Amino acid sequence: MTQPTKVRRAQLCAELDACYACLYGHVPDELRYNLDPKEVHGEDFPGETFRGQCQHDV
């Protein structure tokens, strides 16, 4: 994947995240947990969210 493609893909993912957060009425803390639970609960947090599982597939 070329660099512009990676940048565009990241931009589209961010825009989709924002749309879903708005549609589901997430507040910033809920969104932070969904996108990166380790940021909220610390590095030793044992769980994974959908985003983490998707990154393993890429």
N, C-alpha and C. Protein backbone atom coordinates (compact mmCIF):
# COMPACT_ATOMS: atom_id res chain seq x y z
N MET A 1 0.85 -1.17 0.00
CA MET A 1 0.00 0.00 0.00
C MET A 1 0.90 1.24 0.00
N THR A 2 0.62 2.17 -0.86
CA THR A 2 1.43 3.38 -0.93
C THR A 2 1.08 4.32 0.23
N GLN A 3 1.98 5.24 0.50
CA GLN A 3 1.78 6.16 1.62
C GLN A 3 0.49 6.97 1.50
N PRO A 4 0.19 7.57 0.33
CA PRO A 4 -1.08 8.31 0.23
C PRO A 4 -2.29 7.42 0.49
N THR A 5 -2.22 6.15 0.08
CA THR A 5 -3.33 5.24 0.33
C THR A 5 -3.49 4.99 1.82
N LYS A 6 -2.38 4.82 2.54
CA LYS A 6 -2.44 4.61 3.99
C LYS A 6 -3.03 5.83 4.69
N VAL A 7 -2.62 7.01 4.25
CA VAL A 7 -3.12 8.24 4.85
C VAL A 7 -4.61 8.37 4.59
N ARG A 8 -5.02 8.11 3.37
CA ARG A 8 -6.45 8.21 3.03
C ARG A 8 -7.26 7.19 3.81
N ARG A 9 -6.73 5.98 3.95
CA ARG A 9 -7.44 4.95 4.70
C ARG A 9 -7.60 5.35 6.17
N ALA A 10 -6.54 5.91 6.76
CA ALA A 10 -6.61 6.37 8.15
C ALA A 10 -7.64 7.48 8.29
N GLN A 11 -7.67 8.38 7.31
CA GLN A 11 -8.64 9.48 7.35
C GLN A 11 -10.07 8.94 7.28
N LEU A 12 -10.31 8.00 6.38
CA LEU A 12 -11.65 7.42 6.26
C LEU A 12 -12.06 6.69 7.54
N CYS A 13 -11.12 5.95 8.14
CA CYS A 13 -11.42 5.26 9.41
C CYS A 13 -11.79 6.26 10.50
N ALA A 14 -11.06 7.35 10.58
CA ALA A 14 -11.36 8.37 11.59
C ALA A 14 -12.73 9.00 11.36
N GLU A 15 -13.06 9.25 10.09
CA GLU A 15 -14.36 9.83 9.78
C GLU A 15 -15.49 8.86 10.11
N LEU A 16 -15.28 7.58 9.82
CA LEU A 16 -16.30 6.58 10.16
C LEU A 16 -16.46 6.46 11.68
N ASP A 17 -15.34 6.46 12.40
CA ASP A 17 -15.41 6.42 13.87
C ASP A 17 -16.23 7.58 14.40
N ALA A 18 -16.01 8.77 13.85
CA ALA A 18 -16.75 9.96 14.29
C ALA A 18 -18.24 9.83 13.97
N CYS A 19 -18.55 9.30 12.80
CA CYS A 19 -19.96 9.13 12.42
C CYS A 19 -20.67 8.14 13.34
N TYR A 20 -20.02 7.00 13.60
CA TYR A 20 -20.63 6.00 14.48
C TYR A 20 -20.77 6.53 15.90
N ALA A 21 -19.78 7.26 16.37
CA ALA A 21 -19.87 7.82 17.72
C ALA A 21 -21.05 8.78 17.82
N CYS A 22 -21.23 9.58 16.80
CA CYS A 22 -22.35 10.53 16.79
C CYS A 22 -23.68 9.79 16.72
N LEU A 23 -23.78 8.81 15.84
CA LEU A 23 -25.03 8.06 15.69
C LEU A 23 -25.44 7.34 16.96
N TYR A 24 -24.45 6.78 17.67
CA TYR A 24 -24.75 6.02 18.88
C TYR A 24 -24.73 6.87 20.14
N GLY A 25 -24.44 8.14 20.00
CA GLY A 25 -24.48 9.05 21.14
C GLY A 25 -23.36 8.84 22.14
N HIS A 26 -22.22 8.40 21.68
CA HIS A 26 -21.08 8.18 22.59
C HIS A 26 -20.52 9.51 23.07
N VAL A 27 -20.18 9.55 24.33
CA VAL A 27 -19.46 10.69 24.88
C VAL A 27 -17.97 10.40 24.70
N PRO A 28 -17.10 11.42 24.80
CA PRO A 28 -15.68 11.21 24.54
C PRO A 28 -15.03 10.06 25.32
N ASP A 29 -15.39 9.90 26.60
CA ASP A 29 -14.78 8.81 27.38
C ASP A 29 -15.18 7.44 26.85
N GLU A 30 -16.42 7.29 26.43
CA GLU A 30 -16.85 6.01 25.85
C GLU A 30 -16.12 5.75 24.54
N LEU A 31 -15.96 6.78 23.76
CA LEU A 31 -15.26 6.63 22.49
C LEU A 31 -13.80 6.27 22.71
N ARG A 32 -13.16 6.91 23.67
CA ARG A 32 -11.77 6.57 23.99
C ARG A 32 -11.65 5.11 24.39
N TYR A 33 -12.59 4.61 25.18
CA TYR A 33 -12.56 3.21 25.59
C TYR A 33 -12.74 2.29 24.38
N ASN A 34 -13.67 2.62 23.51
CA ASN A 34 -13.91 1.78 22.34
C ASN A 34 -12.71 1.74 21.40
N LEU A 35 -12.04 2.86 21.24
CA LEU A 35 -10.92 2.92 20.31
C LEU A 35 -9.62 2.40 20.91
N ASP A 36 -9.40 2.63 22.21
CA ASP A 36 -8.16 2.20 22.84
C ASP A 36 -8.37 2.02 24.34
N PRO A 37 -8.86 0.84 24.77
CA PRO A 37 -9.15 0.64 26.19
C PRO A 37 -7.91 0.73 27.08
N LYS A 38 -6.75 0.45 26.52
CA LYS A 38 -5.52 0.55 27.32
C LYS A 38 -5.22 1.99 27.69
N GLU A 39 -5.66 2.94 26.86
CA GLU A 39 -5.48 4.36 27.18
C GLU A 39 -6.30 4.73 28.41
N VAL A 40 -7.46 4.11 28.55
CA VAL A 40 -8.36 4.43 29.66
C VAL A 40 -7.99 3.65 30.92
N HIS A 41 -7.70 2.35 30.76
CA HIS A 41 -7.49 1.48 31.92
C HIS A 41 -6.04 1.10 32.18
N GLY A 42 -5.11 1.55 31.37
CA GLY A 42 -3.70 1.24 31.57
C GLY A 42 -3.24 0.10 30.68
N GLU A 43 -1.93 -0.01 30.54
CA GLU A 43 -1.32 -0.99 29.63
C GLU A 43 -1.60 -2.44 30.01
N ASP A 44 -1.88 -2.69 31.28
CA ASP A 44 -2.11 -4.09 31.70
C ASP A 44 -3.56 -4.53 31.54
N PHE A 45 -4.38 -3.70 30.89
CA PHE A 45 -5.79 -4.05 30.66
C PHE A 45 -5.86 -5.29 29.76
N PRO A 46 -6.58 -6.34 30.19
CA PRO A 46 -6.55 -7.61 29.45
C PRO A 46 -7.48 -7.69 28.25
N GLY A 47 -8.41 -6.77 28.11
CA GLY A 47 -9.42 -6.89 27.05
C GLY A 47 -9.02 -6.24 25.75
N GLU A 48 -9.81 -6.53 24.74
CA GLU A 48 -9.63 -5.94 23.43
C GLU A 48 -10.98 -5.49 22.91
N THR A 49 -10.99 -4.44 22.14
CA THR A 49 -12.23 -3.98 21.52
C THR A 49 -12.24 -4.39 20.06
N PHE A 50 -13.31 -4.07 19.39
CA PHE A 50 -13.44 -4.40 17.98
C PHE A 50 -12.29 -3.83 17.17
N ARG A 51 -11.87 -2.61 17.47
CA ARG A 51 -10.76 -1.97 16.74
C ARG A 51 -9.50 -2.82 16.87
N GLY A 52 -9.21 -3.29 18.07
CA GLY A 52 -8.02 -4.11 18.28
C GLY A 52 -8.08 -5.41 17.51
N GLN A 53 -9.23 -6.00 17.45
CA GLN A 53 -9.38 -7.25 16.71
C GLN A 53 -9.26 -7.01 15.22
N CYS A 54 -9.77 -5.90 14.73
CA CYS A 54 -9.66 -5.59 13.30
C CYS A 54 -8.20 -5.36 12.91
N GLN A 55 -7.42 -4.74 13.79
CA GLN A 55 -6.02 -4.48 13.46
C GLN A 55 -5.24 -5.77 13.31
N HIS A 56 -5.66 -6.83 14.01
CA HIS A 56 -4.98 -8.11 13.87
C HIS A 56 -5.25 -8.72 12.49
N ASP A 57 -6.37 -8.38 11.89
CA ASP A 57 -6.75 -8.92 10.58
C ASP A 57 -6.03 -8.23 9.44
N VAL A 58 -5.56 -7.00 9.66
CA VAL A 58 -4.95 -6.21 8.58
C VAL A 58 -3.53 -6.63 8.38
